[in-house]
PDB file of N, CA and C in Angstrom:
ATOM      1  N   MET A   1       0.923  -0.956   0.137  1.00  0.00           N
ATOM      2  CA  MET A   1       0.010   0.226  -0.098  1.00  0.00           C
ATOM      3  C   MET A   1       0.989   1.391  -0.024  1.00  0.00           C
ATOM      4  N   MET A   2       1.618   0.813   0.717  1.00  0.00           N
ATOM      5  CA  MET A   2       2.547   2.404   0.804  1.00  0.00           C
ATOM      6  C   MET A   2       3.382   2.743  -0.890  1.00  0.00           C
ATOM      7  N   ASN A   3       3.831   1.605  -1.352  1.00  0.00           N
ATOM      8  CA  ASN A   3       4.320   1.855  -2.793  1.00  0.00           C
ATOM      9  C   ASN A   3       3.302   2.718  -3.808  1.00  0.00           C
ATOM     10  N   MET A   4       2.208   2.099  -3.961  1.00  0.00           N
ATOM     11  CA  MET A   4       0.699   2.585  -4.452  1.00  0.00           C
ATOM     12  C   MET A   4       0.657   4.245  -4.207  1.00  0.00           C
ATOM     13  N   SER A   5       0.631   4.797  -2.823  1.00  0.00           N
ATOM     14  CA  SER A   5       0.839   5.755  -2.451  1.00  0.00           C
ATOM     15  C   SER A   5       1.942   6.626  -2.817  1.00  0.00           C
ATOM     16  N   LEU A   6       3.125   6.252  -2.753  1.00  0.00           N
ATOM     17  CA  LEU A   6       4.285   6.998  -3.534  1.00  0.00           C
ATOM     18  C   LEU A   6       4.282   6.882  -5.171  1.00  0.00           C
ATOM     19  N   ILE A   7       3.583   5.975  -5.644  1.00  0.00           N
ATOM     20  CA  ILE A   7       3.191   6.152  -7.258  1.00  0.00           C
ATOM     21  C   ILE A   7       2.746   7.240  -7.431  1.00  0.00           C
ATOM     22  N   ILE A   8       1.392   7.370  -6.474  1.00  0.00           N
ATOM     23  CA  ILE A   8       0.512   8.343  -6.895  1.00  0.00           C
ATOM     24  C   ILE A   8       1.196   9.887  -6.706  1.00  0.00           C
ATOM     25  N   ILE A   9       1.813   9.841  -5.631  1.00  0.00           N
ATOM     26  CA  ILE A   9       2.886  11.105  -5.221  1.00  0.00           C
ATOM     27  C   ILE A   9       3.507  11.489  -6.363  1.00  0.00           C
ATOM     28  N   MET A  10       4.584  10.531  -7.439  1.00  0.00           N
ATOM     29  CA  MET A  10       5.197  10.685  -8.110  1.00  0.00           C
ATOM     30  C   MET A  10       4.299  11.342  -9.066  1.00  0.00           C
ATOM     31  N   PHE A  11       3.140  10.101  -9.681  1.00  0.00           N
ATOM     32  CA  PHE A  11       2.773  10.957 -10.871  1.00  0.00           C
ATOM     33  C   PHE A  11       1.907  12.150 -10.911  1.00  0.00           C
ATOM     34  N   PHE A  12       1.297  12.815  -9.578  1.00  0.00           N
ATOM     35  CA  PHE A  12       0.979  14.218  -9.395  1.00  0.00           C
ATOM     36  C   PHE A  12       2.084  14.973  -9.666  1.00  0.00           C
ATOM     37  N   ILE A  13       3.292  14.868  -8.603  1.00  0.00           N
ATOM     38  CA  ILE A  13       4.216  15.846  -9.000  1.00  0.00           C
ATOM     39  C   ILE A  13       4.878  15.964 -10.169  1.00  0.00           C
ATOM     40  N   GLY A  14       5.117  14.939 -11.161  1.00  0.00           N
ATOM     41  CA  GLY A  14       5.085  15.132 -12.646  1.00  0.00           C
ATOM     42  C   GLY A  14       4.199  15.893 -12.912  1.00  0.00           C
ATOM     43  N   ASN A  15       2.770  15.892 -12.789  1.00  0.00           N
ATOM     44  CA  ASN A  15       1.959  16.149 -13.459  1.00  0.00           C
ATOM     45  C   ASN A  15       2.011  17.985 -13.235  1.00  0.00           C
ATOM     46  N   MET A  16       2.182  18.360 -11.936  1.00  0.00           N
ATOM     47  CA  MET A  16       2.353  19.596 -11.226  1.00  0.00           C
ATOM     48  C   MET A  16       3.662  20.453 -12.031  1.00  0.00           C
ATOM     49  N   ILE A  17       4.451  19.767 -12.175  1.00  0.00           N
ATOM     50  CA  ILE A  17       5.661  20.224 -13.143  1.00  0.00           C
ATOM     51  C   ILE A  17       5.714  20.739 -14.502  1.00  0.00           C
ATOM     52  N   PHE A  18       4.894  19.959 -14.810  1.00  0.00           N
ATOM     53  CA  PHE A  18       4.238  19.637 -16.671  1.00  0.00           C
ATOM     54  C   PHE A  18       3.545  20.856 -16.819  1.00  0.00           C
ATOM     55  N   VAL A  19       2.605  21.108 -15.517  1.00  0.00           N
ATOM     56  CA  VAL A  19       1.383  22.428 -16.257  1.00  0.00           C
ATOM     57  C   VAL A  19       2.012  23.302 -15.813  1.00  0.00           C
ATOM     58  N   SER A  20       2.935  23.620 -14.636  1.00  0.00           N
ATOM     59  CA  SER A  20       3.384  24.970 -14.216  1.00  0.00           C
ATOM     60  C   SER A  20       4.288  25.364 -15.057  1.00  0.00           C
ATOM     61  N   LYS A  21       3.969  26.852 -15.322  1.00  0.00           N
ATOM     62  CA  LYS A  21       4.907  27.336 -16.374  1.00  0.00           C
ATOM     63  C   LYS A  21       6.513  27.467 -16.354  1.00  0.00           C
ATOM     64  N   GLN A  22       7.036  26.633 -17.653  1.00  0.00           N
ATOM     65  CA  GLN A  22       8.396  26.573 -17.180  1.00  0.00           C
ATOM     66  C   GLN A  22       8.959  27.467 -18.508  1.00  0.00           C
ATOM     67  N   LYS A  23       9.997  27.997 -18.516  1.00  0.00           N
ATOM     68  CA  LYS A  23      10.634  28.145 -19.554  1.00  0.00           C
ATOM     69  C   LYS A  23      11.602  27.383 -20.693  1.00  0.00           C
ATOM     70  N   HIS A  24      12.082  26.478 -19.775  1.00  0.00           N
ATOM     71  CA  HIS A  24      12.729  25.438 -20.865  1.00  0.00           C
ATOM     72  C   HIS A  24      12.241  23.907 -21.136  1.00  0.00           C
ATOM     73  N   LEU A  25      12.642  23.741 -22.341  1.00  0.00           N
ATOM     74  CA  LEU A  25      11.616  22.418 -22.901  1.00  0.00           C
ATOM     75  C   LEU A  25      12.564  21.349 -22.361  1.00  0.00           C
ATOM     76  N   LEU A  26      13.687  21.103 -21.851  1.00  0.00           N
ATOM     77  CA  LEU A  26      14.302  20.337 -21.385  1.00  0.00           C
ATOM     78  C   LEU A  26      13.306  19.795 -19.891  1.00  0.00           C
ATOM     79  N   ILE A  27      13.117  20.664 -19.129  1.00  0.00           N
ATOM     80  CA  ILE A  27      12.410  20.709 -17.882  1.00  0.00           C
ATOM     81  C   ILE A  27      11.062  19.743 -18.358  1.00  0.00           C
ATOM     82  N   VAL A  28      10.497  20.566 -19.105  1.00  0.00           N
ATOM     83  CA  VAL A  28       9.186  19.797 -19.768  1.00  0.00           C
ATOM     84  C   VAL A  28       9.228  18.732 -20.044  1.00  0.00           C
ATOM     85  N   LEU A  29      10.261  18.241 -20.895  1.00  0.00           N
ATOM     86  CA  LEU A  29      10.597  16.652 -21.261  1.00  0.00           C
ATOM     87  C   LEU A  29      10.793  15.672 -20.172  1.00  0.00           C
ATOM     88  N   MET A  30      11.721  16.371 -19.052  1.00  0.00           N
ATOM     89  CA  MET A  30      11.929  15.608 -18.092  1.00  0.00           C
ATOM     90  C   MET A  30      10.714  15.360 -17.226  1.00  0.00           C
ATOM     91  N   SER A  31      10.140  16.282 -16.949  1.00  0.00           N
ATOM     92  CA  SER A  31       8.573  16.069 -16.395  1.00  0.00           C
ATOM     93  C   SER A  31       7.576  14.769 -16.773  1.00  0.00           C
ATOM     94  N   LEU A  32       7.846  15.128 -18.400  1.00  0.00           N
ATOM     95  CA  LEU A  32       6.956  14.035 -19.074  1.00  0.00           C
ATOM     96  C   LEU A  32       7.406  12.385 -18.885  1.00  0.00           C
ATOM     97  N   GLU A  33       8.698  12.183 -19.013  1.00  0.00           N
ATOM     98  CA  GLU A  33       9.755  10.965 -18.757  1.00  0.00           C
ATOM     99  C   GLU A  33       9.634  10.888 -17.196  1.00  0.00           C
ATOM    100  N   PHE A  34       9.093  11.491 -15.981  1.00  0.00           N
ATOM    101  CA  PHE A  34       8.881  11.404 -14.679  1.00  0.00           C
ATOM    102  C   PHE A  34       7.535  10.812 -14.646  1.00  0.00           C
ATOM    103  N   ILE A  35       6.381  11.284 -15.340  1.00  0.00           N
ATOM    104  CA  ILE A  35       5.089  10.678 -15.371  1.00  0.00           C
ATOM    105  C   ILE A  35       4.954   9.374 -16.083  1.00  0.00           C
ATOM    106  N   VAL A  36       5.888   9.177 -17.104  1.00  0.00           N
ATOM    107  CA  VAL A  36       5.819   7.903 -17.971  1.00  0.00           C
ATOM    108  C   VAL A  36       6.702   6.773 -16.768  1.00  0.00           C
ATOM    109  N   LEU A  37       7.743   7.399 -15.919  1.00  0.00           N
ATOM    110  CA  LEU A  37       8.067   6.435 -15.233  1.00  0.00           C
ATOM    111  C   LEU A  37       7.333   6.021 -14.024  1.00  0.00           C
ATOM    112  N   SER A  38       6.556   6.762 -13.116  1.00  0.00           N
ATOM    113  CA  SER A  38       5.299   6.552 -12.331  1.00  0.00           C
ATOM    114  C   SER A  38       4.431   5.390 -12.892  1.00  0.00           C
ATOM    115  N   ILE A  39       3.922   6.066 -14.295  1.00  0.00           N
ATOM    116  CA  ILE A  39       2.981   4.700 -14.671  1.00  0.00           C
ATOM    117  C   ILE A  39       3.445   3.482 -14.584  1.00  0.00           C
ATOM    118  N   PHE A  40       4.974   3.469 -15.289  1.00  0.00           N
ATOM    119  CA  PHE A  40       5.345   2.321 -15.630  1.00  0.00           C
ATOM    120  C   PHE A  40       5.918   1.802 -14.242  1.00  0.00           C
ATOM    121  N   PHE A  41       6.029   2.177 -13.096  1.00  0.00           N
ATOM    122  CA  PHE A  41       5.997   1.586 -11.654  1.00  0.00           C
ATOM    123  C   PHE A  41       4.314   0.905 -11.427  1.00  0.00           C
ATOM    124  N   PHE A  42       3.304   1.653 -11.426  1.00  0.00           N
ATOM    125  CA  PHE A  42       2.219   1.433 -11.666  1.00  0.00           C
ATOM    126  C   PHE A  42       1.872   0.223 -12.219  1.00  0.00           C
ATOM    127  N   MET A  43       2.036   0.458 -13.369  1.00  0.00           N
ATOM    128  CA  MET A  43       1.666  -1.187 -14.192  1.00  0.00           C
ATOM    129  C   MET A  43       2.699  -2.205 -13.359  1.00  0.00           C
ATOM    130  N   LEU A  44       3.752  -2.037 -13.861  1.00  0.00           N
ATOM    131  CA  LEU A  44       4.488  -3.060 -12.558  1.00  0.00           C
ATOM    132  C   LEU A  44       3.560  -3.642 -11.585  1.00  0.00           C
ATOM    133  N   LEU A  45       3.472  -2.687 -10.498  1.00  0.00           N
ATOM    134  CA  LEU A  45       2.866  -3.426  -9.077  1.00  0.00           C
ATOM    135  C   LEU A  45       1.345  -4.122  -9.253  1.00  0.00           C
ATOM    136  N   TYR A  46       0.677  -3.243 -10.760  1.00  0.00           N
ATOM    137  CA  TYR A  46      -0.580  -3.956 -11.208  1.00  0.00           C
ATOM    138  C   TYR A  46      -0.377  -5.538 -11.460  1.00  0.00           C
ATOM    139  N   LEU A  47       0.564  -5.394 -12.183  1.00  0.00           N
ATOM    140  CA  LEU A  47       0.880  -6.792 -13.301  1.00  0.00           C
ATOM    141  C   LEU A  47       1.123  -7.920 -12.286  1.00  0.00           C
ATOM    142  N   MET A  48       1.812  -7.332 -11.247  1.00  0.00           N
ATOM    143  CA  MET A  48       2.615  -8.514  -9.976  1.00  0.00           C
ATOM    144  C   MET A  48       1.582  -8.365  -9.260  1.00  0.00           C
ATOM    145  N   MET A  49       0.713  -7.866  -9.011  1.00  0.00           N
ATOM    146  CA  MET A  49      -0.575  -8.232  -7.860  1.00  0.00           C
ATOM    147  C   MET A  49      -1.424  -9.226  -8.968  1.00  0.00           C
ATOM    148  N   VAL A  50      -1.719  -8.998 -10.039  1.00  0.00           N
ATOM    149  CA  VAL A  50      -2.743 -10.170 -10.628  1.00  0.00           C
ATOM    150  C   VAL A  50      -2.093 -11.245 -11.346  1.00  0.00           C
ATOM    151  N   ASP A  51      -0.826 -11.432 -11.047  1.00  0.00           N
ATOM    152  CA  ASP A  51       0.082 -12.591 -11.582  1.00  0.00           C
ATOM    153  C   ASP A  51      -0.058 -12.263 -13.274  1.00  0.00           C
ATOM    154  N   TYR A  52       0.048 -11.505 -13.892  1.00  0.00           N
ATOM    155  CA  TYR A  52      -0.256 -11.300 -15.299  1.00  0.00           C
ATOM    156  C   TYR A  52       1.177 -11.422 -16.136  1.00  0.00           C
ATOM    157  N   ASN A  53       1.048 -12.102 -17.087  1.00  0.00           N
ATOM    158  CA  ASN A  53       2.594 -11.540 -17.862  1.00  0.00           C
ATOM    159  C   ASN A  53       3.135 -10.344 -18.009  1.00  0.00           C
ATOM    160  N   MET A  54       4.527 -10.239 -18.299  1.00  0.00           N
ATOM    161  CA  MET A  54       4.633  -8.894 -18.255  1.00  0.00           C
ATOM    162  C   MET A  54       5.372  -8.215 -19.813  1.00  0.00           C
ATOM    163  N   TYR A  55       5.043  -9.199 -20.503  1.00  0.00           N
ATOM    164  CA  TYR A  55       4.977  -8.819 -22.210  1.00  0.00           C
ATOM    165  C   TYR A  55       4.231  -7.295 -22.285  1.00  0.00           C
ATOM    166  N   MET A  56       3.473  -7.002 -21.753  1.00  0.00           N
ATOM    167  CA  MET A  56       2.518  -5.589 -21.761  1.00  0.00           C
ATOM    168  C   MET A  56       3.332  -4.567 -21.366  1.00  0.00           C
ATOM    169  N   LEU A  57       4.081  -4.665 -20.386  1.00  0.00           N
ATOM    170  CA  LEU A  57       5.479  -3.738 -19.587  1.00  0.00           C
ATOM    171  C   LEU A  57       6.337  -3.691 -20.861  1.00  0.00           C
ATOM    172  N   MET A  58       6.868  -4.630 -21.306  1.00  0.00           N
ATOM    173  CA  MET A  58       7.827  -4.227 -22.400  1.00  0.00           C
ATOM    174  C   MET A  58       7.388  -3.589 -23.639  1.00  0.00           C
ATOM    175  N   VAL A  59       5.707  -3.828 -24.124  1.00  0.00           N
ATOM    176  CA  VAL A  59       5.550  -2.891 -24.907  1.00  0.00           C
ATOM    177  C   VAL A  59       5.233  -1.324 -24.449  1.00  0.00           C
ATOM    178  N   PHE A  60       4.731  -1.010 -23.172  1.00  0.00           N
ATOM    179  CA  PHE A  60       5.040   0.239 -22.853  1.00  0.00           C
ATOM    180  C   PHE A  60       6.124   0.593 -22.546  1.00  0.00           C
ATOM    181  N   LEU A  61       7.339   0.042 -22.152  1.00  0.00           N
ATOM    182  CA  LEU A  61       9.010   0.474 -22.120  1.00  0.00           C
ATOM    183  C   LEU A  61       9.507   0.985 -23.516  1.00  0.00           C
ATOM    184  N   VAL A  62       8.686   0.133 -24.934  1.00  0.00           N
ATOM    185  CA  VAL A  62       9.175   0.413 -26.283  1.00  0.00           C
ATOM    186  C   VAL A  62       8.583   2.153 -26.422  1.00  0.00           C
ATOM    187  N   PHE A  63       7.486   1.671 -26.140  1.00  0.00           N
ATOM    188  CA  PHE A  63       6.597   3.139 -26.323  1.00  0.00           C
ATOM    189  C   PHE A  63       7.143   4.262 -25.910  1.00  0.00           C
ATOM    190  N   SER A  64       7.797   4.634 -24.258  1.00  0.00           N
ATOM    191  CA  SER A  64       8.166   5.167 -23.499  1.00  0.00           C
ATOM    192  C   SER A  64       9.310   5.688 -24.147  1.00  0.00           C
ATOM    193  N   VAL A  65      10.282   5.146 -24.717  1.00  0.00           N
ATOM    194  CA  VAL A  65      11.580   4.728 -25.095  1.00  0.00           C
ATOM    195  C   VAL A  65      11.423   5.668 -26.740  1.00  0.00           C
ATOM    196  N   CYS A  66      10.525   5.355 -27.399  1.00  0.00           N
ATOM    197  CA  CYS A  66      10.177   5.950 -28.462  1.00  0.00           C
ATOM    198  C   CYS A  66       9.897   7.454 -28.526  1.00  0.00           C
ATOM    199  N   GLU A  67       8.875   7.766 -27.036  1.00  0.00           N
ATOM    200  CA  GLU A  67       8.671   9.376 -26.863  1.00  0.00           C
ATOM    201  C   GLU A  67       9.873   9.626 -26.242  1.00  0.00           C
ATOM    202  N   GLY A  68      10.549   9.405 -25.616  1.00  0.00           N
ATOM    203  CA  GLY A  68      11.917  10.086 -25.506  1.00  0.00           C
ATOM    204  C   GLY A  68      12.551  10.794 -26.376  1.00  0.00           C
ATOM    205  N   ALA A  69      12.963   9.557 -27.277  1.00  0.00           N
ATOM    206  CA  ALA A  69      13.900   9.672 -28.428  1.00  0.00           C
ATOM    207  C   ALA A  69      13.211  10.858 -29.225  1.00  0.00           C
ATOM    208  N   LEU A  70      11.424  10.923 -29.296  1.00  0.00           N
ATOM    209  CA  LEU A  70      10.782  12.190 -30.050  1.00  0.00           C
ATOM    210  C   LEU A  70      11.239  13.216 -29.696  1.00  0.00           C
ATOM    211  N   GLY A  71      11.276  13.441 -28.327  1.00  0.00           N
ATOM    212  CA  GLY A  71      11.307  14.426 -27.624  1.00  0.00           C
ATOM    213  C   GLY A  71      12.595  15.111 -27.644  1.00  0.00           C
ATOM    214  N   LEU A  72      13.887  14.072 -27.552  1.00  0.00           N
ATOM    215  CA  LEU A  72      15.237  14.860 -27.578  1.00  0.00           C
ATOM    216  C   LEU A  72      15.461  15.304 -29.088  1.00  0.00           C
ATOM    217  N   SER A  73      14.778  14.665 -30.000  1.00  0.00           N
ATOM    218  CA  SER A  73      14.877  15.112 -31.263  1.00  0.00           C
ATOM    219  C   SER A  73      14.269  16.387 -31.482  1.00  0.00           C
ATOM    220  N   ILE A  74      13.363  16.925 -31.089  1.00  0.00           N
ATOM    221  CA  ILE A  74      12.637  18.086 -31.123  1.00  0.00           C
ATOM    222  C   ILE A  74      13.381  18.991 -29.940  1.00  0.00           C
ATOM    223  N   LEU A  75      14.131  18.523 -29.021  1.00  0.00           N
ATOM    224  CA  LEU A  75      14.807  19.563 -28.390  1.00  0.00           C
ATOM    225  C   LEU A  75      16.132  19.976 -28.977  1.00  0.00           C
ATOM    226  N   VAL A  76      16.849  18.919 -29.801  1.00  0.00           N
ATOM    227  CA  VAL A  76      17.762  19.101 -30.854  1.00  0.00           C
ATOM    228  C   VAL A  76      17.702  20.432 -31.989  1.00  0.00           C
ATOM    229  N   SER A  77      16.364  20.116 -32.624  1.00  0.00           N
ATOM    230  CA  SER A  77      16.131  20.447 -33.647  1.00  0.00           C
ATOM    231  C   SER A  77      15.504  21.972 -33.420  1.00  0.00           C
ATOM    232  N   MET A  78      15.213  22.159 -32.019  1.00  0.00           N
ATOM    233  CA  MET A  78      14.912  23.529 -31.698  1.00  0.00           C
ATOM    234  C   MET A  78      16.419  24.210 -31.198  1.00  0.00           C
ATOM    235  N   ILE A  79      16.956  23.815 -30.494  1.00  0.00           N
ATOM    236  CA  ILE A  79      18.436  24.232 -30.070  1.00  0.00           C
ATOM    237  C   ILE A  79      18.960  24.740 -31.779  1.00  0.00           C
ATOM    238  N   ARG A  80      19.111  23.928 -32.837  1.00  0.00           N
ATOM    239  CA  ARG A  80      20.024  24.027 -33.812  1.00  0.00           C
ATOM    240  C   ARG A  80      18.976  25.405 -34.525  1.00  0.00           C
ATOM    241  N   THR A  81      18.340  25.579 -34.725  1.00  0.00           N
ATOM    242  CA  THR A  81      17.592  26.582 -35.067  1.00  0.00           C
ATOM    243  C   THR A  81      16.930  27.912 -34.387  1.00  0.00           C
ATOM    244  N   HIS A  82      16.875  27.694 -32.952  1.00  0.00           N
ATOM    245  CA  HIS A  82      17.097  29.093 -32.573  1.00  0.00           C
ATOM    246  C   HIS A  82      17.975  29.282 -31.434  1.00  0.00           C
ATOM    247  N   GLY A  83      18.793  28.418 -31.339  1.00  0.00           N
ATOM    248  CA  GLY A  83      19.859  28.583 -30.248  1.00  0.00           C
ATOM    249  C   GLY A  83      19.871  28.334 -28.763  1.00  0.00           C
ATOM    250  N   ASN A  84      18.491  28.344 -28.225  1.00  0.00           N
ATOM    251  CA  ASN A  84      18.392  27.726 -26.945  1.00  0.00           C
ATOM    252  C   ASN A  84      17.015  26.901 -27.052  1.00  0.00           C
ATOM    253  N   ASP A  85      16.577  26.518 -25.757  1.00  0.00           N
ATOM    254  CA  ASP A  85      15.422  25.550 -25.726  1.00  0.00           C
ATOM    255  C   ASP A  85      14.500  26.698 -25.014  1.00  0.00           C
ATOM    256  N   TYR A  86      14.488  28.010 -24.877  1.00  0.00           N
ATOM    257  CA  TYR A  86      13.114  28.489 -23.695  1.00  0.00           C
ATOM    258  C   TYR A  86      11.827  28.759 -25.131  1.00  0.00           C
ATOM    259  N   PHE A  87      10.877  28.485 -24.330  1.00  0.00           N
ATOM    260  CA  PHE A  87       9.609  28.653 -25.106  1.00  0.00           C
ATOM    261  C   PHE A  87       9.242  30.010 -25.840  1.00  0.00           C
ATOM    262  N   GLN A  88      10.054  31.151 -25.014  1.00  0.00           N
ATOM    263  CA  GLN A  88      10.007  32.664 -25.387  1.00  0.00           C
ATOM    264  C   GLN A  88      10.378  33.155 -26.780  1.00  0.00           C
ATOM    265  N   SER A  89      11.358  31.963 -26.964  1.00  0.00           N
ATOM    266  CA  SER A  89      12.248  32.528 -28.332  1.00  0.00           C
ATOM    267  C   SER A  89      11.546  31.984 -29.606  1.00  0.00           C
ATOM    268  N   PHE A  90      10.586  31.255 -29.719  1.00  0.00           N
ATOM    269  CA  PHE A  90       9.842  30.930 -30.974  1.00  0.00           C
ATOM    270  C   PHE A  90       8.873  31.064 -30.497  1.00  0.00           C
ATOM    271  N   ASN A  91       7.629  31.618 -31.901  1.00  0.00           N
ATOM    272  CA  ASN A  91       6.553  31.751 -32.120  1.00  0.00           C
ATOM    273  C   ASN A  91       5.778  30.647 -32.684  1.00  0.00           C
ATOM    274  N   LEU A  92       4.629  29.998 -32.794  1.00  0.00           N
ATOM    275  CA  LEU A  92       3.948  29.181 -33.057  1.00  0.00           C
ATOM    276  C   LEU A  92       3.237  29.223 -34.154  1.00  0.00           C
ATOM    277  N   ILE A  93       2.825  30.618 -34.315  1.00  0.00           N
ATOM    278  CA  ILE A  93       1.913  30.881 -35.196  1.00  0.00           C
ATOM    279  C   ILE A  93       2.563  31.166 -36.473  1.00  0.00           C
TER     280      ILE A  93
END
């Protein structure tokens, strides 16, 4: 039960960091990875409780690695074009 409350606290801390106004893209990407890590721990705990196969956990890890690689490629592309990772330095319109 203590593990479940720790996972929920991790998830809400990651969401609070993601929702708060950050000026760097790297901090936002780190908070997204923290949220993915807490969801991974939740799925691990749940699948261990129901004695289910861990195959779904490996599929989730593959998708989370792809999400991290896409985030890093966006970060590198933004730094190459704008020179920094500030959200204020570019306009989406």
